[in-house]
């Protein structure tokens, strides 16, 4: 665990906190947060005073700081049991610091966690801050998994001249191991300041162009069940979705979820 509980652009509740949701009347709703106040140990009451009854809960761990140990306690007379194991294959989401959850105010607001609650679907979040580089070794590791769907949303960490070669090689490795599993390529988000910085905007457009070229090349080469998501709707166009122009606020993550949810639902439905 890192002694720095927060980042300059991300609060301690997101970097190092816990986030608790409860399933109430068939819908996941936020219930409480474990706010980190000191290093290395913290103790917090996540909720109290609710009526007795059997309920399902999900507890999200910190988005950036590692948790060495988490202990849960309940009041006398109450019982805490593991939930049934989800029988559906997971969605594997590979990406950058944005995928990892930077810079949500709390763990439950990362886009993959929002979608997991909405879709009743387990997501494996493989966001690597600054390191979504599409190395072949990473592709082989991802290929060891057996997901319902691969989401590749890491283009922000690549240079434009790297996108075509790395994206095609990465997808080919996944497809060799999983001939039928859907793969979704996601364009990089539009940085909030790109509209007035020609160099930033040019780099973005080049990355998107190279990703589209990789997508079309793979299709021509016979790679099936490959799909493409455009990037403009991930943040919107009003400049309000990022804390620093790059990393999402809670609003940005909600917009990502809203944009990708219908695509993901359709791809999963097609496999049933």
C-alpha atoms as a PDB file:
ATOM      1  CA  UNK A   1       0.000   0.000   0.000  1.00  0.00           C
ATOM      2  CA  UNK A   2       1.244   3.466  -0.896  1.00  0.00           C
ATOM      3  CA  UNK A   3       1.517   6.080   1.838  1.00  0.00           C
ATOM      4  CA  UNK A   4      -0.047   8.646  -0.487  1.00  0.00           C
ATOM      5  CA  UNK A   5      -3.763   8.110   0.022  1.00  0.00           C
ATOM      6  CA  UNK A   6      -4.753  10.572  -2.716  1.00  0.00           C
ATOM      7  CA  UNK A   7      -3.418  11.979  -5.984  1.00  0.00           C
ATOM      8  CA  UNK A   8      -3.299  15.664  -6.942  1.00  0.00           C
ATOM      9  CA  UNK A   9      -6.216  15.115  -9.318  1.00  0.00           C
ATOM     10  CA  UNK A  10      -8.029  12.214  -7.588  1.00  0.00           C
ATOM     11  CA  UNK A  11      -9.496  12.078  -4.065  1.00  0.00           C
ATOM     12  CA  UNK A  12      -8.509   9.598  -1.382  1.00  0.00           C
ATOM     13  CA  UNK A  13     -11.957   7.994  -1.525  1.00  0.00           C
ATOM     14  CA  UNK A  14     -11.212   6.857  -5.090  1.00  0.00           C
ATOM     15  CA  UNK A  15      -7.503   6.114  -4.764  1.00  0.00           C
ATOM     16  CA  UNK A  16      -7.604   4.312  -1.412  1.00  0.00           C
ATOM     17  CA  UNK A  17     -11.225   3.952  -0.287  1.00  0.00           C
ATOM     18  CA  UNK A  18     -13.869   1.228  -0.187  1.00  0.00           C
ATOM     19  CA  UNK A  19     -17.285   1.531  -1.780  1.00  0.00           C
ATOM     20  CA  UNK A  20     -20.358  -0.491  -0.767  1.00  0.00           C
ATOM     21  CA  UNK A  21     -23.512  -1.146  -2.786  1.00  0.00           C
ATOM     22  CA  UNK A  22     -26.633  -3.123  -1.868  1.00  0.00           C
ATOM     23  CA  UNK A  23     -29.189  -4.779  -4.111  1.00  0.00           C
ATOM     24  CA  UNK A  24     -32.476  -3.141  -3.148  1.00  0.00           C
ATOM     25  CA  UNK A  25     -35.684  -4.143  -4.953  1.00  0.00           C
ATOM     26  CA  UNK A  26     -33.653  -5.605  -7.812  1.00  0.00           C
ATOM     27  CA  UNK A  27     -31.419  -2.569  -8.282  1.00  0.00           C
ATOM     28  CA  UNK A  28     -27.893  -1.898  -7.063  1.00  0.00           C
ATOM     29  CA  UNK A  29     -27.769   1.255  -4.946  1.00  0.00           C
ATOM     30  CA  UNK A  30     -24.921   2.945  -3.143  1.00  0.00           C
ATOM     31  CA  UNK A  31     -24.930   2.407   0.634  1.00  0.00           C
ATOM     32  CA  UNK A  32     -21.653   3.510   2.165  1.00  0.00           C
ATOM     33  CA  UNK A  33     -17.982   4.347   1.709  1.00  0.00           C
ATOM     34  CA  UNK A  34     -14.879   3.553   3.694  1.00  0.00           C
ATOM     35  CA  UNK A  35     -12.958   6.808   3.742  1.00  0.00           C
ATOM     36  CA  UNK A  36      -9.187   6.450   4.201  1.00  0.00           C
ATOM     37  CA  UNK A  37      -7.849   8.900   6.761  1.00  0.00           C
ATOM     38  CA  UNK A  38      -4.426   7.571   7.714  1.00  0.00           C
ATOM     39  CA  UNK A  39      -1.699   5.132   6.687  1.00  0.00           C
ATOM     40  CA  UNK A  40      -1.505   2.174   6.919  1.00  0.00           C
ATOM     41  CA  UNK A  41      -4.664   1.038   8.793  1.00  0.00           C
ATOM     42  CA  UNK A  42      -8.187   2.387   8.664  1.00  0.00           C
ATOM     43  CA  UNK A  43     -11.425   1.402  10.369  1.00  0.00           C
ATOM     44  CA  UNK A  44     -14.856   2.651   9.339  1.00  0.00           C
ATOM     45  CA  UNK A  45     -18.555   1.938   9.788  1.00  0.00           C
ATOM     46  CA  UNK A  46     -19.955   1.513   6.299  1.00  0.00           C
ATOM     47  CA  UNK A  47     -23.593   1.528   7.439  1.00  0.00           C
ATOM     48  CA  UNK A  48     -25.766   0.978  10.496  1.00  0.00           C
ATOM     49  CA  UNK A  49     -29.386   1.050  11.579  1.00  0.00           C
ATOM     50  CA  UNK A  50     -30.964  -0.712   8.598  1.00  0.00           C
ATOM     51  CA  UNK A  51     -33.820  -3.234   9.080  1.00  0.00           C
ATOM     52  CA  UNK A  52     -32.967  -6.918   9.386  1.00  0.00           C
ATOM     53  CA  UNK A  53     -33.245  -8.952   6.187  1.00  0.00           C
ATOM     54  CA  UNK A  54     -31.317 -10.951   3.625  1.00  0.00           C
ATOM     55  CA  UNK A  55     -29.586  -8.727   1.089  1.00  0.00           C
ATOM     56  CA  UNK A  56     -26.857  -8.958  -1.538  1.00  0.00           C
ATOM     57  CA  UNK A  57     -23.947  -6.537  -1.255  1.00  0.00           C
ATOM     58  CA  UNK A  58     -20.931  -5.736  -3.406  1.00  0.00           C
ATOM     59  CA  UNK A  59     -17.827  -4.106  -1.958  1.00  0.00           C
ATOM     60  CA  UNK A  60     -15.434  -2.356  -4.342  1.00  0.00           C
ATOM     61  CA  UNK A  61     -11.769  -2.147  -3.362  1.00  0.00           C
ATOM     62  CA  UNK A  62      -9.499   0.874  -3.957  1.00  0.00           C
ATOM     63  CA  UNK A  63      -8.896   1.858  -7.571  1.00  0.00           C
ATOM     64  CA  UNK A  64      -5.199   2.676  -7.185  1.00  0.00           C
ATOM     65  CA  UNK A  65      -3.852   1.836  -3.738  1.00  0.00           C
ATOM     66  CA  UNK A  66      -3.366  -1.832  -2.957  1.00  0.00           C
ATOM     67  CA  UNK A  67      -5.271  -3.305  -0.036  1.00  0.00           C
ATOM     68  CA  UNK A  68      -3.135  -5.849   1.806  1.00  0.00           C
ATOM     69  CA  UNK A  69      -5.990  -7.046   4.003  1.00  0.00           C
ATOM     70  CA  UNK A  70      -9.701  -6.214   4.322  1.00  0.00           C
ATOM     71  CA  UNK A  71     -11.679  -7.406   7.342  1.00  0.00           C
ATOM     72  CA  UNK A  72     -15.478  -7.140   7.574  1.00  0.00           C
ATOM     73  CA  UNK A  73     -17.579  -7.256  10.694  1.00  0.00           C
ATOM     74  CA  UNK A  74     -21.317  -7.255  11.419  1.00  0.00           C
ATOM     75  CA  UNK A  75     -23.397  -6.598  14.505  1.00  0.00           C
ATOM     76  CA  UNK A  76     -24.249  -9.530  16.803  1.00  0.00           C
ATOM     77  CA  UNK A  77     -27.071 -11.641  15.410  1.00  0.00           C
ATOM     78  CA  UNK A  78     -26.243 -10.877  11.778  1.00  0.00           C
ATOM     79  CA  UNK A  79     -24.459 -13.229   9.366  1.00  0.00           C
ATOM     80  CA  UNK A  80     -22.200 -12.455   6.412  1.00  0.00           C
ATOM     81  CA  UNK A  81     -21.996 -15.133   3.707  1.00  0.00           C
ATOM     82  CA  UNK A  82     -20.296 -15.313   0.282  1.00  0.00           C
ATOM     83  CA  UNK A  83     -22.626 -14.622  -2.620  1.00  0.00           C
ATOM     84  CA  UNK A  84     -23.213 -17.404  -5.187  1.00  0.00           C
ATOM     85  CA  UNK A  85     -20.537 -17.560  -7.865  1.00  0.00           C
ATOM     86  CA  UNK A  86     -21.591 -15.912 -11.111  1.00  0.00           C
ATOM     87  CA  UNK A  87     -21.980 -18.634 -13.720  1.00  0.00           C
ATOM     88  CA  UNK A  88     -21.546 -16.365 -16.741  1.00  0.00           C
ATOM     89  CA  UNK A  89     -18.160 -15.754 -18.391  1.00  0.00           C
ATOM     90  CA  UNK A  90     -16.665 -12.362 -17.611  1.00  0.00           C
ATOM     91  CA  UNK A  91     -16.029  -9.346 -19.809  1.00  0.00           C
ATOM     92  CA  UNK A  92     -12.289  -8.593 -19.962  1.00  0.00           C
ATOM     93  CA  UNK A  93     -11.600  -4.855 -20.313  1.00  0.00           C
ATOM     94  CA  UNK A  94      -7.991  -3.990 -21.159  1.00  0.00           C
ATOM     95  CA  UNK A  95      -6.903  -0.375 -21.068  1.00  0.00           C
ATOM     96  CA  UNK A  96      -5.153   2.569 -19.461  1.00  0.00           C
ATOM     97  CA  UNK A  97      -5.429   4.628 -16.291  1.00  0.00           C
ATOM     98  CA  UNK A  98      -8.884   5.667 -17.491  1.00  0.00           C
ATOM     99  CA  UNK A  99      -9.988   2.038 -17.547  1.00  0.00           C
ATOM    100  CA  UNK A 100      -8.358   1.524 -14.156  1.00  0.00           C
ATOM    101  CA  UNK A 101     -10.649   4.207 -12.741  1.00  0.00           C
ATOM    102  CA  UNK A 102      -8.713   7.458 -12.890  1.00  0.00           C
ATOM    103  CA  UNK A 103     -10.113   9.744 -11.644  1.00  0.00           C
ATOM    104  CA  UNK A 104     -13.378   8.510 -10.118  1.00  0.00           C
ATOM    105  CA  UNK A 105     -14.415   9.959  -6.765  1.00  0.00           C
ATOM    106  CA  UNK A 106     -14.997   6.445  -5.419  1.00  0.00           C
ATOM    107  CA  UNK A 107     -14.401   2.883  -6.712  1.00  0.00           C
ATOM    108  CA  UNK A 108     -17.997   2.142  -7.683  1.00  0.00           C
ATOM    109  CA  UNK A 109     -17.901   4.923 -10.269  1.00  0.00           C
ATOM    110  CA  UNK A 110     -15.296   3.367 -12.586  1.00  0.00           C
ATOM    111  CA  UNK A 111     -17.000   2.635 -15.906  1.00  0.00           C
ATOM    112  CA  UNK A 112     -16.503  -1.132 -15.664  1.00  0.00           C
ATOM    113  CA  UNK A 113     -18.116  -1.148 -12.208  1.00  0.00           C
ATOM    114  CA  UNK A 114     -21.053   0.951 -13.368  1.00  0.00           C
ATOM    115  CA  UNK A 115     -21.643  -1.461 -16.233  1.00  0.00           C
ATOM    116  CA  UNK A 116     -21.207  -4.504 -14.028  1.00  0.00           C
ATOM    117  CA  UNK A 117     -24.090  -3.345 -11.835  1.00  0.00           C
ATOM    118  CA  UNK A 118     -26.328  -2.347 -14.729  1.00  0.00           C
ATOM    119  CA  UNK A 119     -25.776  -5.517 -16.731  1.00  0.00           C
ATOM    120  CA  UNK A 120     -25.471  -8.063 -13.905  1.00  0.00           C
ATOM    121  CA  UNK A 121     -22.202  -9.054 -15.516  1.00  0.00           C
ATOM    122  CA  UNK A 122     -18.751  -9.594 -14.026  1.00  0.00           C
ATOM    123  CA  UNK A 123     -16.034  -7.382 -15.518  1.00  0.00           C
ATOM    124  CA  UNK A 124     -12.318  -8.050 -15.172  1.00  0.00           C
ATOM    125  CA  UNK A 125     -10.719  -4.601 -15.138  1.00  0.00           C
ATOM    126  CA  UNK A 126      -7.221  -4.757 -16.622  1.00  0.00           C
ATOM    127  CA  UNK A 127      -6.492  -1.057 -16.732  1.00  0.00           C
ATOM    128  CA  UNK A 128      -2.786  -0.296 -16.366  1.00  0.00           C
ATOM    129  CA  UNK A 129      -1.957   3.320 -15.613  1.00  0.00           C
ATOM    130  CA  UNK A 130       0.364   4.575 -18.350  1.00  0.00           C
ATOM    131  CA  UNK A 131       1.044   1.024 -19.501  1.00  0.00           C
ATOM    132  CA  UNK A 132      -1.737  -0.053 -21.834  1.00  0.00           C
ATOM    133  CA  UNK A 133       0.910  -0.699 -24.480  1.00  0.00           C
ATOM    134  CA  UNK A 134      -0.406  -3.840 -26.231  1.00  0.00           C
ATOM    135  CA  UNK A 135       2.754  -5.883 -25.759  1.00  0.00           C
ATOM    136  CA  UNK A 136       2.532  -9.384 -27.295  1.00  0.00           C
ATOM    137  CA  UNK A 137       3.272 -10.836 -23.868  1.00  0.00           C
ATOM    138  CA  UNK A 138       0.143  -9.118 -22.530  1.00  0.00           C
ATOM    139  CA  UNK A 139      -1.918 -10.487 -25.416  1.00  0.00           C
ATOM    140  CA  UNK A 140      -0.786 -14.014 -24.594  1.00  0.00           C
ATOM    141  CA  UNK A 141      -1.718 -13.495 -20.942  1.00  0.00           C
ATOM    142  CA  UNK A 142      -5.176 -12.221 -21.889  1.00  0.00           C
ATOM    143  CA  UNK A 143      -5.540 -15.186 -24.237  1.00  0.00           C
ATOM    144  CA  UNK A 144      -5.226 -17.519 -21.223  1.00  0.00           C
ATOM    145  CA  UNK A 145      -8.578 -16.198 -20.001  1.00  0.00           C
ATOM    146  CA  UNK A 146     -11.888 -17.448 -21.336  1.00  0.00           C
ATOM    147  CA  UNK A 147     -14.158 -14.380 -21.361  1.00  0.00           C
ATOM    148  CA  UNK A 148     -17.489 -13.667 -22.978  1.00  0.00           C
ATOM    149  CA  UNK A 149     -16.004 -10.567 -24.610  1.00  0.00           C
ATOM    150  CA  UNK A 150     -12.723  -8.675 -24.931  1.00  0.00           C
ATOM    151  CA  UNK A 151     -12.800  -4.859 -24.763  1.00  0.00           C
ATOM    152  CA  UNK A 152      -9.565  -3.183 -25.929  1.00  0.00           C
ATOM    153  CA  UNK A 153      -9.561   0.477 -24.868  1.00  0.00           C
ATOM    154  CA  UNK A 154      -5.902   1.386 -24.486  1.00  0.00           C
ATOM    155  CA  UNK A 155      -5.127   3.642 -27.447  1.00  0.00           C
ATOM    156  CA  UNK A 156      -4.470   6.708 -25.259  1.00  0.00           C
ATOM    157  CA  UNK A 157      -1.184   5.079 -24.133  1.00  0.00           C
ATOM    158  CA  UNK A 158       0.094   4.388 -27.645  1.00  0.00           C
ATOM    159  CA  UNK A 159       1.738   6.740 -30.113  1.00  0.00           C
ATOM    160  CA  UNK A 160      -0.110   7.070 -33.404  1.00  0.00           C
ATOM    161  CA  UNK A 161       2.671   5.279 -35.268  1.00  0.00           C
ATOM    162  CA  UNK A 162       2.370   2.291 -32.912  1.00  0.00           C
ATOM    163  CA  UNK A 163      -1.380   1.754 -33.145  1.00  0.00           C
ATOM    164  CA  UNK A 164      -1.696  -0.202 -36.399  1.00  0.00           C
ATOM    165  CA  UNK A 165       1.081  -2.717 -35.818  1.00  0.00           C
ATOM    166  CA  UNK A 166       0.346  -3.335 -32.156  1.00  0.00           C
ATOM    167  CA  UNK A 167      -3.432  -3.504 -32.480  1.00  0.00           C
ATOM    168  CA  UNK A 168      -3.323  -5.981 -35.378  1.00  0.00           C
ATOM    169  CA  UNK A 169      -0.787  -8.223 -33.644  1.00  0.00           C
ATOM    170  CA  UNK A 170      -2.698  -8.104 -30.348  1.00  0.00           C
ATOM    171  CA  UNK A 171      -6.019  -9.050 -31.946  1.00  0.00           C
ATOM    172  CA  UNK A 172      -4.414 -11.834 -33.996  1.00  0.00           C
ATOM    173  CA  UNK A 173      -3.011 -13.419 -30.827  1.00  0.00           C
ATOM    174  CA  UNK A 174      -6.397 -13.269 -29.107  1.00  0.00           C
ATOM    175  CA  UNK A 175      -8.187 -14.621 -32.169  1.00  0.00           C
ATOM    176  CA  UNK A 176      -5.775 -17.543 -32.535  1.00  0.00           C
ATOM    177  CA  UNK A 177      -6.629 -18.628 -28.986  1.00  0.00           C
ATOM    178  CA  UNK A 178     -10.347 -17.780 -29.161  1.00  0.00           C
ATOM    179  CA  UNK A 179     -11.713 -18.150 -32.715  1.00  0.00           C
ATOM    180  CA  UNK A 180     -15.248 -16.994 -31.857  1.00  0.00           C
ATOM    181  CA  UNK A 181     -15.014 -14.637 -28.861  1.00  0.00           C
ATOM    182  CA  UNK A 182     -16.141 -11.083 -29.752  1.00  0.00           C
ATOM    183  CA  UNK A 183     -13.458  -8.397 -29.606  1.00  0.00           C
ATOM    184  CA  UNK A 184     -14.341  -4.703 -29.350  1.00  0.00           C
ATOM    185  CA  UNK A 185     -11.806  -2.038 -30.364  1.00  0.00           C
ATOM    186  CA  UNK A 186     -12.518   1.313 -28.692  1.00  0.00           C
ATOM    187  CA  UNK A 187     -11.275   4.612 -30.088  1.00  0.00           C
ATOM    188  CA  UNK A 188      -9.341   6.911 -27.739  1.00  0.00           C
ATOM    189  CA  UNK A 189     -11.379   9.542 -25.929  1.00  0.00           C
ATOM    190  CA  UNK A 190     -11.299  13.129 -27.149  1.00  0.00           C
ATOM    191  CA  UNK A 191      -9.276  15.120 -24.631  1.00  0.00           C
ATOM    192  CA  UNK A 192     -11.185  18.145 -23.391  1.00  0.00           C
ATOM    193  CA  UNK A 193      -8.544  20.647 -24.506  1.00  0.00           C
ATOM    194  CA  UNK A 194      -8.004  19.161 -27.982  1.00  0.00           C
ATOM    195  CA  UNK A 195     -10.394  21.614 -29.629  1.00  0.00           C
ATOM    196  CA  UNK A 196      -7.927  24.484 -29.132  1.00  0.00           C
ATOM    197  CA  UNK A 197      -4.639  22.581 -29.365  1.00  0.00           C
ATOM    198  CA  UNK A 198      -3.987  21.502 -32.962  1.00  0.00           C
ATOM    199  CA  UNK A 199      -1.112  19.165 -32.081  1.00  0.00           C
ATOM    200  CA  UNK A 200      -3.177  17.281 -29.491  1.00  0.00           C
ATOM    201  CA  UNK A 201      -6.144  17.035 -31.845  1.00  0.00           C
ATOM    202  CA  UNK A 202      -3.970  15.861 -34.744  1.00  0.00           C
ATOM    203  CA  UNK A 203      -2.456  13.071 -32.627  1.00  0.00           C
ATOM    204  CA  UNK A 204      -5.934  11.955 -31.593  1.00  0.00           C
ATOM    205  CA  UNK A 205      -7.189  11.876 -35.169  1.00  0.00           C
ATOM    206  CA  UNK A 206      -4.103   9.965 -36.292  1.00  0.00           C
ATOM    207  CA  UNK A 207      -4.605   7.340 -33.585  1.00  0.00           C
ATOM    208  CA  UNK A 208      -8.234   6.900 -34.574  1.00  0.00           C
ATOM    209  CA  UNK A 209      -7.310   6.654 -38.245  1.00  0.00           C
ATOM    210  CA  UNK A 210      -4.653   4.026 -37.551  1.00  0.00           C
ATOM    211  CA  UNK A 211      -7.023   2.036 -35.333  1.00  0.00           C
ATOM    212  CA  UNK A 212      -9.671   2.103 -38.041  1.00  0.00           C
ATOM    213  CA  UNK A 213      -7.071   0.946 -40.565  1.00  0.00           C
ATOM    214  CA  UNK A 214      -6.110  -1.931 -38.263  1.00  0.00           C
ATOM    215  CA  UNK A 215      -9.779  -2.855 -37.830  1.00  0.00           C
ATOM    216  CA  UNK A 216     -10.474  -2.884 -41.581  1.00  0.00           C
ATOM    217  CA  UNK A 217      -7.255  -4.783 -42.323  1.00  0.00           C
ATOM    218  CA  UNK A 218      -8.126  -7.481 -39.793  1.00  0.00           C
ATOM    219  CA  UNK A 219     -11.607  -7.846 -41.277  1.00  0.00           C
ATOM    220  CA  UNK A 220     -10.154  -8.223 -44.777  1.00  0.00           C
ATOM    221  CA  UNK A 221      -7.770 -10.862 -43.442  1.00  0.00           C
ATOM    222  CA  UNK A 222     -10.696 -12.938 -42.204  1.00  0.00           C
ATOM    223  CA  UNK A 223     -10.768 -12.008 -38.518  1.00  0.00           C
ATOM    224  CA  UNK A 224     -14.438 -12.359 -37.623  1.00  0.00           C
ATOM    225  CA  UNK A 225     -16.553 -11.136 -34.710  1.00  0.00           C
ATOM    226  CA  UNK A 226     -14.425  -7.985 -34.492  1.00  0.00           C
ATOM    227  CA  UNK A 227     -16.206  -4.746 -33.630  1.00  0.00           C
ATOM    228  CA  UNK A 228     -15.481  -1.023 -33.372  1.00  0.00           C
ATOM    229  CA  UNK A 229     -16.657   1.721 -30.984  1.00  0.00           C
ATOM    230  CA  UNK A 230     -16.304   5.410 -31.832  1.00  0.00           C
ATOM    231  CA  UNK A 231     -14.785   7.692 -29.223  1.00  0.00           C
ATOM    232  CA  UNK A 232     -16.573  11.054 -29.275  1.00  0.00           C
ATOM    233  CA  UNK A 233     -19.524   9.952 -27.119  1.00  0.00           C
ATOM    234  CA  UNK A 234     -17.259   8.507 -24.412  1.00  0.00           C
ATOM    235  CA  UNK A 235     -16.740  11.976 -22.906  1.00  0.00           C
ATOM    236  CA  UNK A 236     -19.152  14.159 -24.855  1.00  0.00           C
ATOM    237  CA  UNK A 237     -18.312  17.521 -26.336  1.00  0.00           C
ATOM    238  CA  UNK A 238     -18.880  20.007 -23.506  1.00  0.00           C
ATOM    239  CA  UNK A 239     -15.481  19.594 -21.821  1.00  0.00           C
ATOM    240  CA  UNK A 240     -17.022  18.679 -18.469  1.00  0.00           C
ATOM    241  CA  UNK A 241     -16.189  14.956 -18.381  1.00  0.00           C
ATOM    242  CA  UNK A 242     -12.517  15.056 -17.345  1.00  0.00           C
ATOM    243  CA  UNK A 243     -10.704  16.355 -14.277  1.00  0.00           C
ATOM    244  CA  UNK A 244      -7.533  17.310 -16.176  1.00  0.00           C
ATOM    245  CA  UNK A 245      -8.677  17.106 -19.766  1.00  0.00           C
ATOM    246  CA  UNK A 246      -7.682  13.419 -19.916  1.00  0.00           C
ATOM    247  CA  UNK A 247      -8.883  11.425 -16.913  1.00  0.00           C
ATOM    248  CA  UNK A 248     -12.596  11.026 -16.314  1.00  0.00           C
ATOM    249  CA  UNK A 249     -14.705  12.569 -13.606  1.00  0.00           C
ATOM    250  CA  UNK A 250     -17.717  10.601 -12.375  1.00  0.00           C
ATOM    251  CA  UNK A 251     -19.650  12.325 -15.168  1.00  0.00           C
ATOM    252  CA  UNK A 252     -17.097  11.077 -17.676  1.00  0.00           C
ATOM    253  CA  UNK A 253     -17.423   7.510 -16.444  1.00  0.00           C
ATOM    254  CA  UNK A 254     -21.207   7.691 -16.610  1.00  0.00           C
ATOM    255  CA  UNK A 255     -20.932   8.881 -20.217  1.00  0.00           C
ATOM    256  CA  UNK A 256     -18.532   6.057 -21.044  1.00  0.00           C
ATOM    257  CA  UNK A 257     -20.958   3.557 -19.558  1.00  0.00           C
ATOM    258  CA  UNK A 258     -23.918   5.088 -21.395  1.00  0.00           C
ATOM    259  CA  UNK A 259     -22.032   5.002 -24.683  1.00  0.00           C
ATOM    260  CA  UNK A 260     -20.716   1.448 -24.415  1.00  0.00           C
ATOM    261  CA  UNK A 261     -23.619  -0.298 -22.676  1.00  0.00           C
ATOM    262  CA  UNK A 262     -25.816  -0.850 -25.757  1.00  0.00           C
ATOM    263  CA  UNK A 263     -22.822  -2.114 -27.754  1.00  0.00           C
ATOM    264  CA  UNK A 264     -21.756  -4.537 -25.033  1.00  0.00           C
ATOM    265  CA  UNK A 265     -25.300  -5.777 -24.484  1.00  0.00           C
ATOM    266  CA  UNK A 266     -25.725  -6.496 -28.185  1.00  0.00           C
ATOM    267  CA  UNK A 267     -22.418  -8.331 -28.464  1.00  0.00           C
ATOM    268  CA  UNK A 268     -23.196 -10.490 -25.434  1.00  0.00           C
ATOM    269  CA  UNK A 269     -26.717 -11.164 -26.662  1.00  0.00           C
ATOM    270  CA  UNK A 270     -25.351 -12.299 -30.018  1.00  0.00           C
ATOM    271  CA  UNK A 271     -23.308 -14.983 -28.232  1.00  0.00           C
ATOM    272  CA  UNK A 272     -26.242 -16.491 -26.343  1.00  0.00           C
END
